[in-house]
């Protein structure tokens, strides 16, 4: 009888946790605010407020979570919005995600890159970059970057940054892997990538902020050492948060907004909108 009671109580606890992880926490969007202490980035960007969204994993249409994201963005009032991939759920029609990101707006623009789940929709992923799938026309809002870059003027400071985007690949997703200064030498760099694996090998004399996603922070709040020991996610050494090489190269890994279809739970790792600002180093 004692074992039966323990079993029933255990099943009840597991059920409560599962219900919380499925119905409650995935809707509890957290606004994560970080400040990058870098002289060059601060000089160029000043009080510019960058919002990073990642890993929405949307279905066919926007739901409550996406509507809440729009409400929060209206309160945050970002100067620049970036989306670091996996906008659509695996193997699903991207039209819902495409319509959602078209609603994003910021004075300096909305930029994004594709993730691997976006690519899983086959040729339909072209809709993110080309209106109506027409390869001769490129969508200007949001602007999707594919192994290319452009200069972005910052009116508030009179400065410029280079914004670059990495196309998802199978070979560690580093672009350009191990190369030095693939961008203008006179501007700091904001690099958008779905993955973080190429960050350690990226060489740059510029101040560089690499923004990535992919991991979802694990979706379950367990110690990072477990992810590394069992290699449960790609790049477990960069599960979530801010990383630095100790000098002028930075990495931020966003915990994402959605969940993967085969594990639609979040427990201890709520969905995240990241607000990034800059300051002079001490």
C-alpha atoms as a PDB file:
ATOM      1  CA  UNK A   1       0.000   0.000   0.000  1.00  0.00           C
ATOM      2  CA  UNK A   2       2.836   2.366   0.887  1.00  0.00           C
ATOM      3  CA  UNK A   3       4.500   1.853  -2.514  1.00  0.00           C
ATOM      4  CA  UNK A   4       1.189   2.431  -4.261  1.00  0.00           C
ATOM      5  CA  UNK A   5       0.695   5.755  -2.478  1.00  0.00           C
ATOM      6  CA  UNK A   6       4.218   6.829  -3.343  1.00  0.00           C
ATOM      7  CA  UNK A   7       3.603   5.892  -6.971  1.00  0.00           C
ATOM      8  CA  UNK A   8       0.331   7.858  -7.109  1.00  0.00           C
ATOM      9  CA  UNK A   9       1.898  10.921  -5.499  1.00  0.00           C
ATOM     10  CA  UNK A  10       4.883  10.706  -7.860  1.00  0.00           C
ATOM     11  CA  UNK A  11       2.600  10.494 -10.902  1.00  0.00           C
ATOM     12  CA  UNK A  12       0.617  13.485  -9.620  1.00  0.00           C
ATOM     13  CA  UNK A  13       3.773  15.574  -9.155  1.00  0.00           C
ATOM     14  CA  UNK A  14       5.069  14.639 -12.610  1.00  0.00           C
ATOM     15  CA  UNK A  15       1.664  15.511 -14.083  1.00  0.00           C
ATOM     16  CA  UNK A  16       1.605  18.914 -12.376  1.00  0.00           C
ATOM     17  CA  UNK A  17       5.124  19.695 -13.575  1.00  0.00           C
ATOM     18  CA  UNK A  18       4.262  18.598 -17.116  1.00  0.00           C
ATOM     19  CA  UNK A  19       1.114  20.742 -17.172  1.00  0.00           C
ATOM     20  CA  UNK A  20       3.072  23.731 -15.876  1.00  0.00           C
ATOM     21  CA  UNK A  21       5.812  23.169 -18.462  1.00  0.00           C
ATOM     22  CA  UNK A  22       3.299  22.853 -21.305  1.00  0.00           C
ATOM     23  CA  UNK A  23       0.578  25.378 -20.466  1.00  0.00           C
ATOM     24  CA  UNK A  24       2.104  27.972 -18.120  1.00  0.00           C
ATOM     25  CA  UNK A  25       5.799  28.705 -18.507  1.00  0.00           C
ATOM     26  CA  UNK A  26       5.858  28.813 -22.350  1.00  0.00           C
ATOM     27  CA  UNK A  27       3.584  31.885 -22.052  1.00  0.00           C
ATOM     28  CA  UNK A  28       5.690  33.610 -19.332  1.00  0.00           C
ATOM     29  CA  UNK A  29       7.861  35.768 -21.564  1.00  0.00           C
ATOM     30  CA  UNK A  30      10.823  37.293 -19.748  1.00  0.00           C
ATOM     31  CA  UNK A  31      12.442  40.542 -20.875  1.00  0.00           C
ATOM     32  CA  UNK A  32      16.173  39.962 -20.350  1.00  0.00           C
ATOM     33  CA  UNK A  33      18.184  43.199 -20.251  1.00  0.00           C
ATOM     34  CA  UNK A  34      21.949  43.111 -20.764  1.00  0.00           C
ATOM     35  CA  UNK A  35      24.540  45.837 -21.173  1.00  0.00           C
ATOM     36  CA  UNK A  36      27.713  45.271 -23.232  1.00  0.00           C
ATOM     37  CA  UNK A  37      30.702  47.170 -21.775  1.00  0.00           C
ATOM     38  CA  UNK A  38      32.648  47.917 -24.952  1.00  0.00           C
ATOM     39  CA  UNK A  39      34.105  51.310 -25.904  1.00  0.00           C
ATOM     40  CA  UNK A  40      33.785  50.973 -29.688  1.00  0.00           C
ATOM     41  CA  UNK A  41      30.261  49.570 -29.620  1.00  0.00           C
ATOM     42  CA  UNK A  42      29.206  52.200 -27.104  1.00  0.00           C
ATOM     43  CA  UNK A  43      30.719  55.053 -29.137  1.00  0.00           C
ATOM     44  CA  UNK A  44      28.977  53.923 -32.327  1.00  0.00           C
ATOM     45  CA  UNK A  45      25.627  52.957 -30.836  1.00  0.00           C
ATOM     46  CA  UNK A  46      25.261  55.298 -27.860  1.00  0.00           C
ATOM     47  CA  UNK A  47      21.872  54.755 -26.227  1.00  0.00           C
ATOM     48  CA  UNK A  48      20.653  52.560 -29.084  1.00  0.00           C
ATOM     49  CA  UNK A  49      18.417  49.774 -27.818  1.00  0.00           C
ATOM     50  CA  UNK A  50      18.632  46.485 -29.727  1.00  0.00           C
ATOM     51  CA  UNK A  51      16.015  43.785 -29.254  1.00  0.00           C
ATOM     52  CA  UNK A  52      16.881  40.201 -30.176  1.00  0.00           C
ATOM     53  CA  UNK A  53      14.167  37.634 -30.883  1.00  0.00           C
ATOM     54  CA  UNK A  54      15.000  34.024 -31.639  1.00  0.00           C
ATOM     55  CA  UNK A  55      13.534  30.557 -32.101  1.00  0.00           C
ATOM     56  CA  UNK A  56       9.867  31.461 -32.341  1.00  0.00           C
ATOM     57  CA  UNK A  57       9.063  28.033 -33.849  1.00  0.00           C
ATOM     58  CA  UNK A  58       5.684  29.313 -34.976  1.00  0.00           C
ATOM     59  CA  UNK A  59       2.902  27.184 -36.374  1.00  0.00           C
ATOM     60  CA  UNK A  60       0.515  28.206 -39.117  1.00  0.00           C
ATOM     61  CA  UNK A  61      -0.676  31.365 -37.356  1.00  0.00           C
ATOM     62  CA  UNK A  62       0.241  33.718 -34.532  1.00  0.00           C
ATOM     63  CA  UNK A  63      -1.021  32.781 -31.069  1.00  0.00           C
ATOM     64  CA  UNK A  64      -1.159  34.382 -27.633  1.00  0.00           C
ATOM     65  CA  UNK A  65       2.604  34.258 -27.212  1.00  0.00           C
ATOM     66  CA  UNK A  66       3.247  36.145 -30.439  1.00  0.00           C
ATOM     67  CA  UNK A  67       0.603  38.754 -29.582  1.00  0.00           C
ATOM     68  CA  UNK A  68       2.250  39.262 -26.202  1.00  0.00           C
ATOM     69  CA  UNK A  69       5.607  39.730 -27.938  1.00  0.00           C
ATOM     70  CA  UNK A  70       4.134  42.570 -29.994  1.00  0.00           C
ATOM     71  CA  UNK A  71       2.678  44.165 -26.862  1.00  0.00           C
ATOM     72  CA  UNK A  72       6.021  43.975 -25.049  1.00  0.00           C
ATOM     73  CA  UNK A  73       7.856  45.442 -28.027  1.00  0.00           C
ATOM     74  CA  UNK A  74       5.453  48.385 -28.022  1.00  0.00           C
ATOM     75  CA  UNK A  75       6.454  49.053 -24.397  1.00  0.00           C
ATOM     76  CA  UNK A  76      10.197  48.483 -24.968  1.00  0.00           C
ATOM     77  CA  UNK A  77      10.328  50.717 -28.075  1.00  0.00           C
ATOM     78  CA  UNK A  78      13.530  49.242 -29.566  1.00  0.00           C
ATOM     79  CA  UNK A  79      15.682  51.180 -32.019  1.00  0.00           C
ATOM     80  CA  UNK A  80      16.695  48.021 -33.880  1.00  0.00           C
ATOM     81  CA  UNK A  81      15.169  44.525 -33.949  1.00  0.00           C
ATOM     82  CA  UNK A  82      17.098  41.409 -34.965  1.00  0.00           C
ATOM     83  CA  UNK A  83      15.746  37.868 -35.399  1.00  0.00           C
ATOM     84  CA  UNK A  84      18.254  35.025 -35.154  1.00  0.00           C
ATOM     85  CA  UNK A  85      16.483  32.188 -36.919  1.00  0.00           C
ATOM     86  CA  UNK A  86      14.031  29.319 -36.448  1.00  0.00           C
ATOM     87  CA  UNK A  87      11.016  31.507 -37.024  1.00  0.00           C
ATOM     88  CA  UNK A  88       8.822  28.614 -38.162  1.00  0.00           C
ATOM     89  CA  UNK A  89       8.276  25.176 -36.632  1.00  0.00           C
ATOM     90  CA  UNK A  90       9.943  22.204 -38.344  1.00  0.00           C
ATOM     91  CA  UNK A  91       8.376  21.178 -41.675  1.00  0.00           C
ATOM     92  CA  UNK A  92       5.543  23.689 -41.443  1.00  0.00           C
ATOM     93  CA  UNK A  93       4.310  26.374 -43.793  1.00  0.00           C
ATOM     94  CA  UNK A  94       6.236  29.597 -43.074  1.00  0.00           C
ATOM     95  CA  UNK A  95       3.387  31.950 -43.974  1.00  0.00           C
ATOM     96  CA  UNK A  96       2.305  32.510 -40.353  1.00  0.00           C
ATOM     97  CA  UNK A  97       5.839  33.316 -39.213  1.00  0.00           C
ATOM     98  CA  UNK A  98       6.384  35.491 -42.264  1.00  0.00           C
ATOM     99  CA  UNK A  99       3.273  37.544 -41.535  1.00  0.00           C
ATOM    100  CA  UNK A 100       4.267  37.910 -37.885  1.00  0.00           C
ATOM    101  CA  UNK A 101       7.781  39.219 -38.514  1.00  0.00           C
ATOM    102  CA  UNK A 102       6.394  41.669 -41.056  1.00  0.00           C
ATOM    103  CA  UNK A 103       4.574  43.298 -38.115  1.00  0.00           C
ATOM    104  CA  UNK A 104       7.856  44.035 -36.330  1.00  0.00           C
ATOM    105  CA  UNK A 105       8.990  47.641 -36.588  1.00  0.00           C
ATOM    106  CA  UNK A 106      11.900  49.742 -35.334  1.00  0.00           C
ATOM    107  CA  UNK A 107      13.449  53.079 -36.472  1.00  0.00           C
ATOM    108  CA  UNK A 108      16.756  51.479 -37.543  1.00  0.00           C
ATOM    109  CA  UNK A 109      15.056  48.518 -39.170  1.00  0.00           C
ATOM    110  CA  UNK A 110      14.395  44.829 -38.666  1.00  0.00           C
ATOM    111  CA  UNK A 111      17.083  42.348 -39.713  1.00  0.00           C
ATOM    112  CA  UNK A 112      17.133  38.586 -39.542  1.00  0.00           C
ATOM    113  CA  UNK A 113      18.772  35.326 -40.540  1.00  0.00           C
ATOM    114  CA  UNK A 114      17.308  31.899 -41.185  1.00  0.00           C
ATOM    115  CA  UNK A 115      17.698  28.912 -38.889  1.00  0.00           C
ATOM    116  CA  UNK A 116      17.713  25.210 -39.634  1.00  0.00           C
ATOM    117  CA  UNK A 117      14.004  24.755 -38.921  1.00  0.00           C
ATOM    118  CA  UNK A 118      13.236  27.534 -41.426  1.00  0.00           C
ATOM    119  CA  UNK A 119      15.170  25.572 -44.025  1.00  0.00           C
ATOM    120  CA  UNK A 120      13.151  22.438 -43.198  1.00  0.00           C
ATOM    121  CA  UNK A 121      10.136  23.928 -44.956  1.00  0.00           C
ATOM    122  CA  UNK A 122      11.842  23.275 -48.294  1.00  0.00           C
ATOM    123  CA  UNK A 123      11.733  25.915 -50.991  1.00  0.00           C
ATOM    124  CA  UNK A 124       8.937  27.642 -49.110  1.00  0.00           C
ATOM    125  CA  UNK A 125      11.603  29.240 -46.889  1.00  0.00           C
ATOM    126  CA  UNK A 126      12.338  31.541 -49.843  1.00  0.00           C
ATOM    127  CA  UNK A 127       9.248  33.496 -48.772  1.00  0.00           C
ATOM    128  CA  UNK A 128      11.269  34.958 -45.903  1.00  0.00           C
ATOM    129  CA  UNK A 129      13.598  36.688 -48.357  1.00  0.00           C
ATOM    130  CA  UNK A 130      11.651  37.014 -51.611  1.00  0.00           C
ATOM    131  CA  UNK A 131       8.047  38.280 -51.841  1.00  0.00           C
ATOM    132  CA  UNK A 132       5.824  35.722 -53.491  1.00  0.00           C
ATOM    133  CA  UNK A 133       8.861  33.476 -53.884  1.00  0.00           C
ATOM    134  CA  UNK A 134      10.134  35.680 -56.733  1.00  0.00           C
ATOM    135  CA  UNK A 135      13.949  35.275 -56.624  1.00  0.00           C
ATOM    136  CA  UNK A 136      14.420  38.511 -58.554  1.00  0.00           C
ATOM    137  CA  UNK A 137      12.861  40.624 -55.806  1.00  0.00           C
ATOM    138  CA  UNK A 138      14.251  40.944 -52.264  1.00  0.00           C
ATOM    139  CA  UNK A 139      12.076  41.749 -49.275  1.00  0.00           C
ATOM    140  CA  UNK A 140      13.139  45.004 -47.643  1.00  0.00           C
ATOM    141  CA  UNK A 141      11.237  44.526 -44.391  1.00  0.00           C
ATOM    142  CA  UNK A 142      12.368  42.608 -42.556  1.00  0.00           C
ATOM    143  CA  UNK A 143      15.727  42.392 -44.287  1.00  0.00           C
ATOM    144  CA  UNK A 144      17.093  38.851 -44.242  1.00  0.00           C
ATOM    145  CA  UNK A 145      20.870  38.536 -44.406  1.00  0.00           C
ATOM    146  CA  UNK A 146      22.527  35.587 -46.134  1.00  0.00           C
ATOM    147  CA  UNK A 147      26.315  35.612 -45.738  1.00  0.00           C
ATOM    148  CA  UNK A 148      26.335  39.303 -46.520  1.00  0.00           C
ATOM    149  CA  UNK A 149      26.679  42.596 -44.704  1.00  0.00           C
ATOM    150  CA  UNK A 150      25.843  46.260 -44.882  1.00  0.00           C
ATOM    151  CA  UNK A 151      26.632  49.470 -43.065  1.00  0.00           C
ATOM    152  CA  UNK A 152      24.024  50.852 -40.733  1.00  0.00           C
ATOM    153  CA  UNK A 153      24.020  54.555 -39.857  1.00  0.00           C
ATOM    154  CA  UNK A 154      23.258  55.500 -36.251  1.00  0.00           C
ATOM    155  CA  UNK A 155      21.756  59.024 -36.360  1.00  0.00           C
ATOM    156  CA  UNK A 156      21.892  59.533 -32.582  1.00  0.00           C
ATOM    157  CA  UNK A 157      25.705  59.268 -32.523  1.00  0.00           C
ATOM    158  CA  UNK A 158      26.633  60.030 -36.120  1.00  0.00           C
ATOM    159  CA  UNK A 159      28.429  56.682 -36.119  1.00  0.00           C
ATOM    160  CA  UNK A 160      28.083  53.475 -38.087  1.00  0.00           C
ATOM    161  CA  UNK A 161      28.116  49.756 -37.478  1.00  0.00           C
ATOM    162  CA  UNK A 162      28.464  46.843 -39.853  1.00  0.00           C
ATOM    163  CA  UNK A 163      25.577  44.392 -39.585  1.00  0.00           C
ATOM    164  CA  UNK A 164      26.249  40.945 -41.032  1.00  0.00           C
ATOM    165  CA  UNK A 165      24.280  37.721 -41.278  1.00  0.00           C
ATOM    166  CA  UNK A 166      25.259  34.055 -41.401  1.00  0.00           C
ATOM    167  CA  UNK A 167      23.367  31.533 -43.495  1.00  0.00           C
ATOM    168  CA  UNK A 168      22.805  28.202 -41.668  1.00  0.00           C
ATOM    169  CA  UNK A 169      25.176  25.491 -42.857  1.00  0.00           C
ATOM    170  CA  UNK A 170      26.241  22.047 -41.742  1.00  0.00           C
ATOM    171  CA  UNK A 171      29.941  22.800 -41.291  1.00  0.00           C
ATOM    172  CA  UNK A 172      29.806  24.458 -37.874  1.00  0.00           C
ATOM    173  CA  UNK A 173      27.891  27.371 -39.320  1.00  0.00           C
ATOM    174  CA  UNK A 174      30.860  29.709 -39.079  1.00  0.00           C
ATOM    175  CA  UNK A 175      31.108  32.457 -41.658  1.00  0.00           C
ATOM    176  CA  UNK A 176      33.737  33.189 -42.638  1.00  0.00           C
ATOM    177  CA  UNK A 177      35.415  30.536 -40.485  1.00  0.00           C
ATOM    178  CA  UNK A 178      38.813  31.516 -39.168  1.00  0.00           C
ATOM    179  CA  UNK A 179      39.176  34.521 -41.458  1.00  0.00           C
ATOM    180  CA  UNK A 180      40.296  37.940 -40.326  1.00  0.00           C
ATOM    181  CA  UNK A 181      38.467  41.224 -40.902  1.00  0.00           C
ATOM    182  CA  UNK A 182      35.928  40.247 -43.589  1.00  0.00           C
ATOM    183  CA  UNK A 183      34.245  43.630 -43.002  1.00  0.00           C
ATOM    184  CA  UNK A 184      35.263  47.303 -43.079  1.00  0.00           C
ATOM    185  CA  UNK A 185      37.953  48.003 -40.514  1.00  0.00           C
ATOM    186  CA  UNK A 186      36.472  51.281 -39.322  1.00  0.00           C
ATOM    187  CA  UNK A 187      33.203  50.042 -37.805  1.00  0.00           C
ATOM    188  CA  UNK A 188      32.228  47.686 -34.981  1.00  0.00           C
ATOM    189  CA  UNK A 189      30.295  44.606 -36.090  1.00  0.00           C
ATOM    190  CA  UNK A 190      26.911  43.175 -35.185  1.00  0.00           C
ATOM    191  CA  UNK A 191      26.839  39.605 -36.520  1.00  0.00           C
ATOM    192  CA  UNK A 192      23.600  37.614 -36.624  1.00  0.00           C
ATOM    193  CA  UNK A 193      23.736  33.821 -36.682  1.00  0.00           C
ATOM    194  CA  UNK A 194      21.424  31.048 -35.616  1.00  0.00           C
ATOM    195  CA  UNK A 195      24.319  29.019 -34.235  1.00  0.00           C
ATOM    196  CA  UNK A 196      27.211  29.988 -31.966  1.00  0.00           C
ATOM    197  CA  UNK A 197      29.777  27.349 -32.974  1.00  0.00           C
ATOM    198  CA  UNK A 198      31.916  29.649 -35.129  1.00  0.00           C
ATOM    199  CA  UNK A 199      32.298  32.384 -32.516  1.00  0.00           C
ATOM    200  CA  UNK A 200      35.535  31.090 -30.901  1.00  0.00           C
ATOM    201  CA  UNK A 201      37.296  30.938 -34.276  1.00  0.00           C
ATOM    202  CA  UNK A 202      36.070  34.257 -35.579  1.00  0.00           C
ATOM    203  CA  UNK A 203      39.001  36.642 -35.882  1.00  0.00           C
ATOM    204  CA  UNK A 204      38.342  40.362 -35.950  1.00  0.00           C
ATOM    205  CA  UNK A 205      40.213  43.513 -35.038  1.00  0.00           C
ATOM    206  CA  UNK A 206      36.858  45.239 -34.744  1.00  0.00           C
ATOM    207  CA  UNK A 207      34.679  45.104 -31.671  1.00  0.00           C
ATOM    208  CA  UNK A 208      32.211  42.344 -32.519  1.00  0.00           C
ATOM    209  CA  UNK A 209      28.909  41.256 -31.006  1.00  0.00           C
ATOM    210  CA  UNK A 210      27.712  37.852 -32.262  1.00  0.00           C
ATOM    211  CA  UNK A 211      24.014  37.206 -31.576  1.00  0.00           C
ATOM    212  CA  UNK A 212      22.775  33.608 -31.750  1.00  0.00           C
ATOM    213  CA  UNK A 213      19.999  31.293 -30.588  1.00  0.00           C
ATOM    214  CA  UNK A 214      19.289  27.608 -31.343  1.00  0.00           C
ATOM    215  CA  UNK A 215      19.727  26.095 -27.851  1.00  0.00           C
ATOM    216  CA  UNK A 216      16.503  27.448 -26.270  1.00  0.00           C
ATOM    217  CA  UNK A 217      18.568  27.499 -23.080  1.00  0.00           C
ATOM    218  CA  UNK A 218      17.838  23.770 -22.961  1.00  0.00           C
ATOM    219  CA  UNK A 219      14.121  24.405 -22.191  1.00  0.00           C
ATOM    220  CA  UNK A 220      14.746  22.610 -18.876  1.00  0.00           C
ATOM    221  CA  UNK A 221      16.625  24.369 -16.084  1.00  0.00           C
ATOM    222  CA  UNK A 222      19.369  21.894 -15.271  1.00  0.00           C
ATOM    223  CA  UNK A 223      23.061  22.680 -14.667  1.00  0.00           C
ATOM    224  CA  UNK A 224      25.092  23.458 -17.808  1.00  0.00           C
ATOM    225  CA  UNK A 225      27.557  20.687 -16.954  1.00  0.00           C
ATOM    226  CA  UNK A 226      24.825  18.112 -17.691  1.00  0.00           C
ATOM    227  CA  UNK A 227      24.327  19.497 -21.216  1.00  0.00           C
ATOM    228  CA  UNK A 228      28.076  19.412 -21.793  1.00  0.00           C
ATOM    229  CA  UNK A 229      28.609  15.960 -20.290  1.00  0.00           C
ATOM    230  CA  UNK A 230      25.943  14.283 -22.422  1.00  0.00           C
ATOM    231  CA  UNK A 231      26.167  16.680 -25.396  1.00  0.00           C
ATOM    232  CA  UNK A 232      22.390  17.040 -25.415  1.00  0.00           C
ATOM    233  CA  UNK A 233      22.336  20.194 -27.548  1.00  0.00           C
ATOM    234  CA  UNK A 234      24.502  21.776 -30.214  1.00  0.00           C
ATOM    235  CA  UNK A 235      27.303  23.882 -28.718  1.00  0.00           C
ATOM    236  CA  UNK A 236      26.513  23.098 -25.042  1.00  0.00           C
ATOM    237  CA  UNK A 237      29.402  25.338 -23.972  1.00  0.00           C
ATOM    238  CA  UNK A 238      27.228  28.279 -25.015  1.00  0.00           C
ATOM    239  CA  UNK A 239      23.838  27.342 -23.608  1.00  0.00           C
ATOM    240  CA  UNK A 240      22.545  30.852 -22.960  1.00  0.00           C
ATOM    241  CA  UNK A 241      23.617  34.312 -21.869  1.00  0.00           C
ATOM    242  CA  UNK A 242      26.593  36.587 -22.437  1.00  0.00           C
ATOM    243  CA  UNK A 243      30.122  35.394 -23.249  1.00  0.00           C
ATOM    244  CA  UNK A 244      33.337  37.317 -23.909  1.00  0.00           C
ATOM    245  CA  UNK A 245      36.875  36.596 -25.063  1.00  0.00           C
ATOM    246  CA  UNK A 246      38.073  39.069 -22.429  1.00  0.00           C
ATOM    247  CA  UNK A 247      38.760  41.768 -24.985  1.00  0.00           C
ATOM    248  CA  UNK A 248      36.469  43.084 -27.709  1.00  0.00           C
ATOM    249  CA  UNK A 249      34.619  39.993 -28.964  1.00  0.00           C
ATOM    250  CA  UNK A 250      31.202  39.220 -27.484  1.00  0.00           C
ATOM    251  CA  UNK A 251      28.580  36.494 -27.850  1.00  0.00           C
ATOM    252  CA  UNK A 252      25.003  36.515 -26.631  1.00  0.00           C
ATOM    253  CA  UNK A 253      22.886  33.343 -26.909  1.00  0.00           C
ATOM    254  CA  UNK A 254      19.160  33.968 -26.659  1.00  0.00           C
ATOM    255  CA  UNK A 255      16.939  31.400 -24.878  1.00  0.00           C
ATOM    256  CA  UNK A 256      14.290  31.663 -27.590  1.00  0.00           C
ATOM    257  CA  UNK A 257      10.552  32.203 -27.540  1.00  0.00           C
ATOM    258  CA  UNK A 258       9.132  28.897 -28.739  1.00  0.00           C
ATOM    259  CA  UNK A 259       9.677  25.186 -28.223  1.00  0.00           C
ATOM    260  CA  UNK A 260      10.503  22.320 -30.534  1.00  0.00           C
ATOM    261  CA  UNK A 261       7.533  20.202 -31.645  1.00  0.00           C
ATOM    262  CA  UNK A 262       8.861  16.981 -30.117  1.00  0.00           C
ATOM    263  CA  UNK A 263       9.356  18.591 -26.675  1.00  0.00           C
ATOM    264  CA  UNK A 264       6.818  21.413 -26.183  1.00  0.00           C
ATOM    265  CA  UNK A 265       7.776  22.131 -22.567  1.00  0.00           C
ATOM    266  CA  UNK A 266       9.675  24.842 -20.695  1.00  0.00           C
ATOM    267  CA  UNK A 267      10.550  24.317 -17.049  1.00  0.00           C
ATOM    268  CA  UNK A 268      12.841  26.858 -15.391  1.00  0.00           C
ATOM    269  CA  UNK A 269      13.778  28.422 -18.742  1.00  0.00           C
ATOM    270  CA  UNK A 270      11.011  30.875 -19.722  1.00  0.00           C
ATOM    271  CA  UNK A 271      10.829  32.328 -23.240  1.00  0.00           C
ATOM    272  CA  UNK A 272      12.986  35.401 -23.711  1.00  0.00           C
ATOM    273  CA  UNK A 273      13.072  38.776 -25.388  1.00  0.00           C
ATOM    274  CA  UNK A 274      16.560  40.234 -25.081  1.00  0.00           C
ATOM    275  CA  UNK A 275      17.109  43.992 -24.774  1.00  0.00           C
ATOM    276  CA  UNK A 276      20.736  44.932 -25.453  1.00  0.00           C
ATOM    277  CA  UNK A 277      22.339  48.272 -24.599  1.00  0.00           C
ATOM    278  CA  UNK A 278      25.947  49.449 -24.465  1.00  0.00           C
ATOM    279  CA  UNK A 279      28.294  51.279 -22.120  1.00  0.00           C
ATOM    280  CA  UNK A 280      31.950  52.239 -21.951  1.00  0.00           C
ATOM    281  CA  UNK A 281      34.254  49.647 -20.441  1.00  0.00           C
ATOM    282  CA  UNK A 282      35.587  50.305 -16.963  1.00  0.00           C
END
